[in-house]
Amino acid sequence: MIVGKRERSRRAILRQSAAGFGLLGLQSLLAGAEGRAPHFAPKAKRIIFLFMHGGPSSIDTFDPKPRLVELHGKPVPFKRGLTFGEGAVRGLMKPLWEYKQHGQSGIPVSALFPHVAECVDDLCVLRSMVGDGVDHGAALLQLHTGVFQFKRPSMGSWILYGLGTENKNLPGFITIKPTLGHGGANNFAASFLPGEFQGTAIGNSGMKVEEIAKEPVPYLASKGLTAEHQRYELEMIQKMNRRHASSNDHDPELEARIGALELAFRMQVEAPEAFEVEKESDATKKLYGLDDETTRDFGWQCLLARRLSERGVRVVQASHSYKWDQHTELFKLHTKNAAEVDKPIAGLLKDLKARGLLKETLVIWGGEFGRTPWAQGADGRDHNPYGYTMWMAGAGVKPGFIYGSTDEFGYHAAENRMHIHDLHATLLRLMGIDHLRLTHRSAGRDFRLTDVAGTVHEGIFA
């Protein structure tokens, strides 16, 4: 069963049974069998989350609104919810890009995403997303952890806690170039879950790909040391850690550190090869846009996400940070942003499909919220968590399908409203987990990713 509190860690049990570090090989085998069977037959084995930090405008990407074309420039005719920039509200603003229907499904996509439009028959477009955070910090935390008031385990940590890893030589949850702001590491932290389930960051949003590619996981290599010397160094550090651990009944931080070093030791074998994006064929690198300065950064992230996913990493997040927050100059900057990610995203979808991986990998695209149907400044839009679009593709979801809708202005979710809690419950179900049973006891109460809410939206299931 995937529930409950681990009263005593595996390492504590090994110590107290006089087995000690010598049985850590057995411990690593137990890790894969320790109650990690899914509750249901999973529709998806892995998730790749393409996070557009800042909040792309649904009205200008995947949710056309003819009514806004008719009323462009007119005063807002409805009651507004809490907004981030109340003093800057102007008239209604039409979509700034032309929409066309694409594929056999005929799903409309704006001219911002011509390459993704080629993959539209693989998309399950969720037009009725709803969150509670009006500011970026709250919205990011809720999207990633389920709540925005407190520190809680991230979605990736919950999935890894529930299912375990498919590859003991790589982290089960990796986030590529995560943002340092708006919650920072809290968006991929394990919180009160055991530290081994936290996300492993590959660089950060302030780093260039060239910097990260040289040394994607810094602690895997010590400059000037041979592999043999490094193994010796890690073992000496572990000896000190174990000596300290033997005198402490339970130190979660120390045990997380021991676990991290154990993983680092194992990663020496497999991780370097996993990160060798440059060894991909020229055709593959071109597919992702690595041959173009505009698309190279996010293309590298998407290609690395594919390499990690195919090697059994449960959850991979690639972040386009922090670029989509257009309160002004939306036409200019959304054009620039989309040009950076459109081809890499389509490349990822096409590559996964060609390799037969899309049928077991769930790809998710979206930001922390959408943007308003009214203007700020000349052509900006404010934050809108009340009705916006995300999309999924791949394992377990209906392809070429639109789910839910917003009102005629694109402001409120109107049909099949999907709250963040519902999104999390649905994602867990696709991974074979009952969100009501995935719990952990901390500070005297049971917690779960979906808090005390969450409804599975089976209408999107294939």
Protein backbone atom coordinates (compact mmCIF):
# COMPACT_ATOMS: atom_id res chain seq x y z
CA MET A 1 0.00 0.00 0.00
CA ILE A 2 1.28 3.49 -0.83
CA VAL A 3 0.26 5.16 2.40
CA GLY A 4 1.46 5.89 5.84
CA LYS A 5 4.46 7.09 7.78
CA ARG A 6 7.77 5.31 7.77
CA GLU A 7 8.33 5.22 11.54
CA ARG A 8 11.87 3.98 11.15
CA SER A 9 14.00 4.50 8.06
CA ARG A 10 15.56 1.55 6.28
CA ARG A 11 19.00 2.76 7.31
CA ALA A 12 17.95 2.96 10.95
CA ILE A 13 16.66 -0.60 10.81
CA LEU A 14 19.90 -1.77 9.22
CA ARG A 15 21.96 -0.01 11.89
CA GLN A 16 19.91 -1.33 14.77
CA SER A 17 20.04 -4.89 13.44
CA ALA A 18 23.87 -4.64 13.35
CA ALA A 19 23.78 -5.04 9.58
CA GLY A 20 25.05 -1.52 8.99
CA PHE A 21 26.31 -0.16 5.71
CA GLY A 22 27.35 -3.56 4.44
CA LEU A 23 23.76 -4.36 3.51
CA LEU A 24 23.12 -1.16 1.60
CA GLY A 25 23.20 -3.25 -1.56
CA LEU A 26 20.20 -5.14 -0.21
CA GLN A 27 18.64 -1.82 0.81
CA SER A 28 18.80 -0.59 -2.78
CA LEU A 29 16.92 -3.69 -3.90
CA LEU A 30 14.32 -3.18 -1.19
CA ALA A 31 13.79 0.39 -2.36
CA GLY A 32 12.14 -0.80 -5.55
CA ALA A 33 9.88 -3.29 -3.78
CA GLU A 34 8.84 -1.34 -0.71
CA GLY A 35 5.12 -1.04 -1.32
CA ARG A 36 5.44 0.81 -4.62
CA ALA A 37 2.89 -1.10 -6.70
CA PRO A 38 0.30 1.24 -8.28
CA HIS A 39 -3.32 1.15 -7.14
CA PHE A 40 -4.55 0.76 -10.72
CA ALA A 41 -3.06 -0.30 -14.01
CA PRO A 42 -1.25 2.89 -15.05
CA LYS A 43 -2.03 4.58 -18.33
CA ALA A 44 1.27 6.51 -18.16
CA LYS A 45 4.65 5.47 -16.83
CA ARG A 46 6.33 8.87 -16.91
CA ILE A 47 5.59 12.59 -17.09
CA ILE A 48 7.37 15.40 -18.92
CA PHE A 49 6.11 18.81 -17.80
CA LEU A 50 6.92 21.75 -20.10
CA PHE A 51 6.45 24.72 -17.79
CA MET A 52 5.91 28.19 -19.28
CA HIS A 53 6.76 30.41 -16.34
CA GLY A 54 4.89 33.72 -16.27
CA GLY A 55 1.51 32.70 -17.63
CA PRO A 56 0.97 32.48 -21.41
CA SER A 57 -2.25 33.97 -22.74
CA SER A 58 -4.78 31.26 -23.54
CA ILE A 59 -6.81 33.73 -25.60
CA ASP A 60 -3.81 34.22 -27.88
CA THR A 61 -2.72 30.57 -28.15
CA PHE A 62 -5.31 27.77 -27.83
CA ASP A 63 -8.69 29.35 -26.90
CA PRO A 64 -10.04 31.65 -29.66
CA LYS A 65 -12.76 34.09 -28.65
CA PRO A 66 -14.76 35.60 -31.56
CA ARG A 67 -16.77 37.66 -29.07
CA LEU A 68 -13.63 39.58 -28.14
CA VAL A 69 -13.11 40.43 -31.81
CA GLU A 70 -16.60 41.93 -31.90
CA LEU A 71 -16.14 43.91 -28.69
CA HIS A 72 -12.49 44.91 -29.07
CA GLY A 73 -11.83 48.17 -27.20
CA LYS A 74 -15.21 48.18 -25.42
CA PRO A 75 -15.45 48.49 -21.60
CA VAL A 76 -15.34 45.26 -19.58
CA PRO A 77 -19.05 44.25 -19.26
CA PHE A 78 -18.73 41.75 -16.40
CA LYS A 79 -17.68 41.68 -12.78
CA ARG A 80 -13.96 41.11 -12.39
CA GLY A 81 -12.36 38.90 -9.80
CA LEU A 82 -9.31 39.87 -7.79
CA THR A 83 -6.69 41.12 -10.24
CA PHE A 84 -2.98 41.79 -9.94
CA GLY A 85 -3.08 45.24 -11.57
CA GLU A 86 -6.52 46.65 -10.77
CA GLY A 87 -5.51 50.21 -11.56
CA ALA A 88 -4.41 49.40 -15.10
CA VAL A 89 -7.62 47.86 -16.48
CA ARG A 90 -8.47 49.01 -20.00
CA GLY A 91 -11.01 47.84 -22.56
CA LEU A 92 -11.49 44.33 -23.92
CA MET A 93 -8.77 43.14 -26.27
CA LYS A 94 -9.19 40.65 -29.12
CA PRO A 95 -6.75 37.79 -29.77
CA LEU A 96 -3.65 39.33 -31.32
CA TRP A 97 -2.94 36.40 -33.64
CA GLU A 98 -5.04 34.71 -36.28
CA TYR A 99 -6.41 31.24 -35.53
CA LYS A 100 -6.62 28.37 -37.99
CA GLN A 101 -7.93 24.85 -37.63
CA HIS A 102 -5.34 22.11 -37.98
CA GLY A 103 -5.14 18.36 -38.43
CA GLN A 104 -7.97 15.90 -38.80
CA SER A 105 -9.33 17.04 -35.44
CA GLY A 106 -9.68 20.63 -36.64
CA ILE A 107 -8.47 22.04 -33.32
CA PRO A 108 -7.77 25.78 -33.66
CA VAL A 109 -4.26 26.98 -32.82
CA SER A 110 -3.05 30.54 -33.17
CA ALA A 111 -0.24 31.55 -35.52
CA LEU A 112 2.04 31.74 -32.47
CA PHE A 113 2.54 27.96 -32.56
CA PRO A 114 2.84 26.76 -36.18
CA HIS A 115 5.04 23.76 -35.27
CA VAL A 116 2.89 22.60 -32.34
CA ALA A 117 -0.11 22.99 -34.67
CA GLU A 118 1.39 20.17 -36.77
CA CYS A 119 0.99 17.89 -33.72
CA VAL A 120 -2.53 19.00 -32.84
CA ASP A 121 -4.02 15.56 -33.43
CA ASP A 122 -1.96 14.32 -30.49
CA LEU A 123 -3.08 17.08 -28.11
CA CYS A 124 -5.75 16.93 -25.42
CA VAL A 125 -6.47 20.63 -24.90
CA LEU A 126 -7.78 21.54 -21.42
CA ARG A 127 -9.57 24.87 -21.78
CA SER A 128 -11.12 25.05 -18.32
CA MET A 129 -8.21 25.20 -15.88
CA VAL A 130 -8.74 27.09 -12.60
CA GLY A 131 -6.34 28.05 -9.82
CA ASP A 132 -6.51 30.21 -6.69
CA GLY A 133 -3.29 32.22 -6.89
CA VAL A 134 -3.46 35.65 -8.52
CA ASP A 135 0.25 36.39 -8.01
CA HIS A 136 3.06 34.28 -9.44
CA GLY A 137 4.42 32.99 -6.14
CA ALA A 138 1.10 31.59 -4.95
CA ALA A 139 0.16 30.24 -8.38
CA LEU A 140 3.50 28.47 -8.88
CA LEU A 141 3.38 26.82 -5.48
CA GLN A 142 -0.19 25.64 -5.99
CA LEU A 143 0.57 24.26 -9.45
CA HIS A 144 3.63 22.41 -8.19
CA THR A 145 2.60 21.44 -4.64
CA GLY A 146 -1.18 21.74 -4.43
CA VAL A 147 -1.24 24.60 -1.90
CA PHE A 148 0.12 28.13 -1.79
CA GLN A 149 -0.06 28.99 1.92
CA PHE A 150 2.48 26.49 3.27
CA LYS A 151 5.45 24.41 2.20
CA ARG A 152 4.28 21.04 0.93
CA PRO A 153 5.84 18.24 -1.11
CA SER A 154 5.90 18.83 -4.85
CA MET A 155 3.88 16.84 -7.35
CA GLY A 156 7.02 15.11 -8.61
CA SER A 157 7.99 14.14 -5.07
CA TRP A 158 4.54 12.67 -4.40
CA ILE A 159 4.68 10.61 -7.60
CA LEU A 160 8.14 9.32 -6.78
CA TYR A 161 7.05 8.58 -3.20
CA GLY A 162 4.08 6.63 -4.51
CA LEU A 163 5.71 4.66 -7.30
CA GLY A 164 9.43 4.60 -6.67
CA THR A 165 12.03 4.79 -9.38
CA GLU A 166 12.41 2.84 -12.62
CA ASN A 167 16.17 3.42 -12.69
CA LYS A 168 18.12 3.22 -9.44
CA ASN A 169 21.14 4.89 -11.09
CA LEU A 170 19.31 8.14 -11.90
CA PRO A 171 17.11 10.44 -9.81
CA GLY A 172 13.42 9.67 -10.24
CA PHE A 173 12.47 13.36 -10.40
CA ILE A 174 14.58 15.87 -12.34
CA THR A 175 13.86 19.53 -13.02
CA ILE A 176 15.85 21.23 -15.80
CA LYS A 177 16.71 24.91 -15.39
CA PRO A 178 14.14 25.57 -12.63
CA THR A 179 13.32 29.12 -11.63
CA LEU A 180 15.06 30.63 -8.61
CA GLY A 181 12.11 32.94 -7.88
CA HIS A 182 8.43 32.58 -6.98
CA GLY A 183 9.02 29.79 -4.48
CA GLY A 184 12.30 28.59 -5.95
CA ALA A 185 13.33 25.18 -4.63
CA ASN A 186 10.01 24.81 -2.79
CA ASN A 187 8.47 24.03 -6.18
CA PHE A 188 10.44 20.78 -6.43
CA ALA A 189 11.15 20.02 -2.77
CA ALA A 190 10.09 16.94 -0.79
CA SER A 191 9.07 18.97 2.29
CA PHE A 192 8.07 16.46 5.00
CA LEU A 193 8.46 13.45 2.70
CA PRO A 194 11.81 11.64 2.99
CA GLY A 195 14.55 13.68 1.34
CA GLU A 196 15.26 11.02 -1.28
CA PHE A 197 12.06 12.07 -3.09
CA GLN A 198 13.00 15.70 -3.73
CA GLY A 199 13.66 16.88 -7.26
CA THR A 200 17.20 17.03 -8.60
CA ALA A 201 17.89 20.37 -10.26
CA ILE A 202 19.94 20.52 -13.45
CA GLY A 203 21.25 24.08 -13.51
CA ASN A 204 18.82 26.94 -12.98
CA SER A 205 17.02 29.58 -14.99
CA GLY A 206 19.92 32.01 -14.67
CA MET A 207 22.41 29.69 -16.34
CA LYS A 208 23.24 29.25 -19.99
CA VAL A 209 23.02 25.81 -21.55
CA GLU A 210 26.77 25.88 -22.25
CA GLU A 211 27.49 26.19 -18.53
CA ILE A 212 25.12 23.38 -17.59
CA ALA A 213 26.21 21.01 -20.37
CA LYS A 214 29.83 21.11 -19.12
CA GLU A 215 28.82 19.82 -15.69
CA PRO A 216 25.06 19.10 -15.46
CA VAL A 217 25.30 17.49 -12.02
CA PRO A 218 28.27 19.18 -10.28
CA TYR A 219 28.68 16.71 -7.43
CA LEU A 220 29.30 13.82 -9.83
CA ALA A 221 32.87 14.89 -10.49
CA SER A 222 35.68 16.33 -8.41
CA LYS A 223 38.19 18.19 -10.53
CA GLY A 224 41.55 16.45 -10.80
CA LEU A 225 40.36 13.11 -9.40
CA THR A 226 40.19 9.83 -11.25
CA ALA A 227 37.01 7.76 -10.99
CA GLU A 228 38.79 5.46 -8.53
CA HIS A 229 39.85 8.37 -6.34
CA GLN A 230 36.39 9.86 -6.44
CA ARG A 231 34.81 6.60 -5.32
CA TYR A 232 37.28 6.57 -2.44
CA GLU A 233 36.38 10.19 -1.58
CA LEU A 234 32.65 9.43 -1.53
CA GLU A 235 33.19 6.37 0.65
CA MET A 236 35.21 8.39 3.18
CA ILE A 237 32.46 11.01 3.35
CA GLN A 238 29.90 8.25 3.82
CA LYS A 239 31.93 6.75 6.66
CA MET A 240 31.81 10.07 8.51
CA ASN A 241 28.09 10.38 7.83
CA ARG A 242 27.42 6.85 9.05
CA ARG A 243 29.45 7.41 12.21
CA HIS A 244 27.37 10.49 12.95
CA ALA A 245 24.13 8.69 12.04
CA SER A 246 24.92 5.81 14.41
CA SER A 247 24.80 8.23 17.34
CA ASN A 248 21.48 9.76 16.27
CA ASP A 249 18.23 7.82 16.39
CA HIS A 250 16.65 9.71 13.49
CA ASP A 251 18.11 12.64 11.55
CA PRO A 252 16.11 13.11 8.32
CA GLU A 253 18.54 15.63 6.86
CA LEU A 254 21.53 13.40 7.46
CA GLU A 255 19.76 10.36 6.06
CA ALA A 256 18.77 12.38 2.97
CA ARG A 257 22.42 13.38 2.58
CA ILE A 258 23.55 9.76 2.87
CA GLY A 259 20.94 8.77 0.29
CA ALA A 260 22.05 11.56 -2.06
CA LEU A 261 25.64 10.40 -1.90
CA GLU A 262 24.61 6.80 -2.49
CA LEU A 263 22.74 7.95 -5.58
CA ALA A 264 25.69 10.11 -6.68
CA PHE A 265 27.92 7.06 -6.47
CA ARG A 266 25.56 5.02 -8.63
CA MET A 267 25.04 7.93 -11.03
CA GLN A 268 28.73 7.89 -11.93
CA VAL A 269 28.00 4.87 -14.10
CA GLU A 270 24.87 5.98 -15.98
CA ALA A 271 24.37 9.74 -15.59
CA PRO A 272 27.26 10.97 -17.76
CA GLU A 273 25.93 9.07 -20.76
CA ALA A 274 22.36 10.26 -20.14
CA PHE A 275 23.46 13.90 -20.35
CA GLU A 276 25.47 13.53 -23.56
CA VAL A 277 22.99 15.39 -25.74
CA GLU A 278 25.75 16.27 -28.18
CA LYS A 279 25.99 12.60 -29.24
CA GLU A 280 22.51 12.69 -30.77
CA SER A 281 22.36 12.64 -34.57
CA ASP A 282 22.43 15.91 -36.49
CA ALA A 283 18.90 15.19 -37.71
CA THR A 284 17.62 14.79 -34.14
CA LYS A 285 19.36 17.94 -32.94
CA LYS A 286 17.87 19.84 -35.87
CA LEU A 287 14.41 18.45 -35.07
CA TYR A 288 14.64 20.07 -31.63
CA GLY A 289 16.14 23.30 -32.96
CA LEU A 290 19.63 22.92 -31.52
CA ASP A 291 21.03 24.30 -34.78
CA ASP A 292 19.32 27.67 -34.23
CA GLU A 293 20.33 30.20 -31.59
CA THR A 294 16.66 31.09 -30.98
CA THR A 295 15.53 27.57 -30.16
CA ARG A 296 18.77 25.99 -28.91
CA ASP A 297 18.22 26.60 -25.17
CA PHE A 298 14.76 25.12 -24.85
CA GLY A 299 15.55 22.56 -27.54
CA TRP A 300 18.40 21.28 -25.38
CA GLN A 301 16.03 21.03 -22.42
CA CYS A 302 13.42 19.11 -24.41
CA LEU A 303 15.98 16.73 -25.90
CA LEU A 304 17.51 16.10 -22.47
CA ALA A 305 13.99 15.51 -21.11
CA ARG A 306 13.48 12.81 -23.74
CA ARG A 307 16.83 11.18 -22.93
CA LEU A 308 16.06 11.14 -19.20
CA SER A 309 12.51 9.91 -19.68
CA GLU A 310 13.52 7.02 -21.93
CA ARG A 311 16.00 5.98 -19.23
CA GLY A 312 13.22 5.64 -16.67
CA VAL A 313 13.12 9.00 -14.89
CA ARG A 314 9.53 9.23 -13.60
CA VAL A 315 9.08 13.00 -13.71
CA VAL A 316 11.05 15.50 -15.79
CA GLN A 317 10.28 19.21 -15.87
CA ALA A 318 11.72 21.64 -18.40
CA SER A 319 11.11 25.31 -17.59
CA HIS A 320 10.96 28.31 -19.90
CA SER A 321 11.64 30.87 -17.19
CA TYR A 322 10.61 33.63 -16.52
CA LYS A 323 9.33 35.01 -19.81
CA TRP A 324 5.57 34.88 -20.25
CA ASP A 325 4.44 37.68 -17.90
CA GLN A 326 3.38 40.29 -20.44
CA HIS A 327 1.53 43.14 -18.72
CA THR A 328 2.83 45.25 -21.61
CA GLU A 329 4.20 44.46 -25.09
CA LEU A 330 2.38 41.15 -25.29
CA PHE A 331 2.52 40.96 -29.08
CA LYS A 332 6.27 41.56 -29.22
CA LEU A 333 7.25 39.34 -26.29
CA HIS A 334 4.80 36.47 -26.77
CA THR A 335 6.07 36.31 -30.36
CA LYS A 336 9.66 36.03 -29.07
CA ASN A 337 8.75 33.49 -26.38
CA ALA A 338 6.78 31.23 -28.72
CA ALA A 339 9.59 31.30 -31.27
CA GLU A 340 11.94 29.92 -28.59
CA VAL A 341 9.75 26.97 -27.59
CA ASP A 342 7.44 26.10 -30.51
CA LYS A 343 9.85 24.01 -32.59
CA PRO A 344 11.45 22.24 -29.57
CA ILE A 345 8.05 21.24 -28.19
CA ALA A 346 6.90 19.89 -31.55
CA GLY A 347 10.25 18.14 -31.92
CA LEU A 348 9.78 16.43 -28.57
CA LEU A 349 6.27 15.24 -29.46
CA LYS A 350 7.36 13.97 -32.88
CA ASP A 351 10.46 12.28 -31.48
CA LEU A 352 8.59 10.55 -28.64
CA LYS A 353 5.97 9.35 -31.10
CA ALA A 354 8.53 8.06 -33.62
CA ARG A 355 10.31 6.10 -30.88
CA GLY A 356 7.09 4.60 -29.52
CA LEU A 357 7.58 6.48 -26.24
CA LEU A 358 4.55 8.79 -26.45
CA LYS A 359 2.22 5.88 -25.67
CA GLU A 360 3.78 5.55 -22.21
CA THR A 361 4.90 9.16 -21.60
CA LEU A 362 2.48 11.95 -20.65
CA VAL A 363 3.57 15.40 -21.86
CA ILE A 364 2.03 18.42 -20.13
CA TRP A 365 2.26 22.04 -21.28
CA GLY A 366 1.17 25.17 -19.45
CA GLY A 367 1.90 28.05 -17.10
CA GLU A 368 0.78 28.97 -13.61
CA PHE A 369 -2.29 30.81 -14.97
CA GLY A 370 -3.59 32.52 -18.10
CA ARG A 371 -4.18 36.18 -18.92
CA THR A 372 -7.18 38.49 -18.95
CA PRO A 373 -9.46 39.36 -21.87
CA TRP A 374 -8.92 43.06 -21.17
CA ALA A 375 -5.84 45.09 -21.93
CA GLN A 376 -3.17 46.62 -19.78
CA GLY A 377 -1.07 49.34 -21.34
CA ALA A 378 -1.13 49.30 -25.12
CA ASP A 379 -1.37 45.52 -25.56
CA GLY A 380 -0.60 43.73 -22.29
CA ARG A 381 -2.85 41.44 -20.26
CA ASP A 382 -3.18 40.88 -16.50
CA HIS A 383 -3.03 37.54 -14.62
CA ASN A 384 -6.07 35.28 -14.92
CA PRO A 385 -6.36 32.12 -12.77
CA TYR A 386 -10.13 31.84 -13.28
CA GLY A 387 -10.17 30.15 -16.68
CA TYR A 388 -7.15 29.24 -18.79
CA THR A 389 -5.64 26.53 -20.98
CA MET A 390 -3.12 23.75 -20.52
CA TRP A 391 -2.69 20.74 -22.77
CA MET A 392 -1.57 17.14 -22.46
CA ALA A 393 -0.37 14.64 -25.03
CA GLY A 394 0.49 10.98 -24.99
CA ALA A 395 -0.15 8.18 -22.57
CA GLY A 396 -3.73 7.77 -21.43
CA VAL A 397 -5.38 10.93 -22.79
CA LYS A 398 -7.66 11.44 -25.79
CA PRO A 399 -5.72 12.74 -28.80
CA GLY A 400 -7.11 15.52 -30.96
CA PHE A 401 -9.57 16.44 -28.22
CA ILE A 402 -10.79 19.63 -26.55
CA TYR A 403 -11.98 19.34 -22.97
CA GLY A 404 -13.87 22.06 -21.12
CA SER A 405 -14.43 25.66 -22.08
CA THR A 406 -14.31 29.22 -20.81
CA ASP A 407 -17.06 31.81 -21.13
CA GLU A 408 -17.43 33.88 -24.30
CA PHE A 409 -14.77 36.31 -23.06
CA GLY A 410 -12.21 33.68 -22.03
CA TYR A 411 -12.27 34.82 -18.40
CA HIS A 412 -14.06 32.16 -16.31
CA ALA A 413 -14.05 28.39 -16.77
CA ALA A 414 -17.58 27.50 -17.86
CA GLU A 415 -17.75 23.79 -18.71
CA ASN A 416 -15.92 20.87 -17.06
CA ARG A 417 -14.11 23.24 -14.69
CA MET A 418 -10.76 21.65 -13.77
CA HIS A 419 -9.22 23.05 -10.60
CA ILE A 420 -5.53 22.48 -9.87
CA HIS A 421 -6.58 19.84 -7.31
CA ASP A 422 -8.53 18.08 -10.08
CA LEU A 423 -5.52 18.27 -12.39
CA HIS A 424 -3.33 16.62 -9.75
CA ALA A 425 -5.93 13.95 -8.99
CA THR A 426 -6.24 13.20 -12.71
CA LEU A 427 -2.48 13.05 -13.27
CA LEU A 428 -2.05 10.66 -10.35
CA ARG A 429 -4.84 8.48 -11.72
CA LEU A 430 -3.12 8.35 -15.10
CA MET A 431 0.01 7.17 -13.27
CA GLY A 432 -2.02 4.45 -11.54
CA ILE A 433 -2.39 6.18 -8.16
CA ASP A 434 -5.56 6.90 -6.19
CA HIS A 435 -5.02 10.44 -4.90
CA LEU A 436 -7.16 9.70 -1.84
CA ARG A 437 -4.84 6.86 -0.81
CA LEU A 438 -1.52 8.55 -1.51
CA THR A 439 -1.01 10.00 1.96
CA HIS A 440 1.77 10.72 4.42
CA ARG A 441 1.39 11.40 8.13
CA SER A 442 3.25 14.42 9.43
CA ALA A 443 2.75 16.52 12.58
CA GLY A 444 -0.20 14.37 13.64
CA ARG A 445 -2.29 14.48 10.47
CA ASP A 446 -2.44 12.85 7.06
CA PHE A 447 -1.48 14.93 4.04
CA ARG A 448 -1.94 14.38 0.32
CA LEU A 449 -1.14 16.27 -2.86
CA THR A 450 -4.80 17.16 -3.42
CA ASP A 451 -5.29 18.37 0.17
CA VAL A 452 -8.99 17.73 1.00
CA ALA A 453 -10.28 18.15 -2.57
CA GLY A 454 -9.67 16.83 -6.07
CA THR A 455 -11.89 15.10 -8.63
CA VAL A 456 -10.56 12.80 -11.34
CA HIS A 457 -11.70 14.00 -14.78
CA GLU A 458 -12.12 10.69 -16.61
CA GLY A 459 -13.56 12.56 -19.60
CA ILE A 460 -10.04 13.13 -20.92
CA PHE A 461 -9.03 9.45 -20.69
CA ALA A 462 -8.47 7.57 -23.92
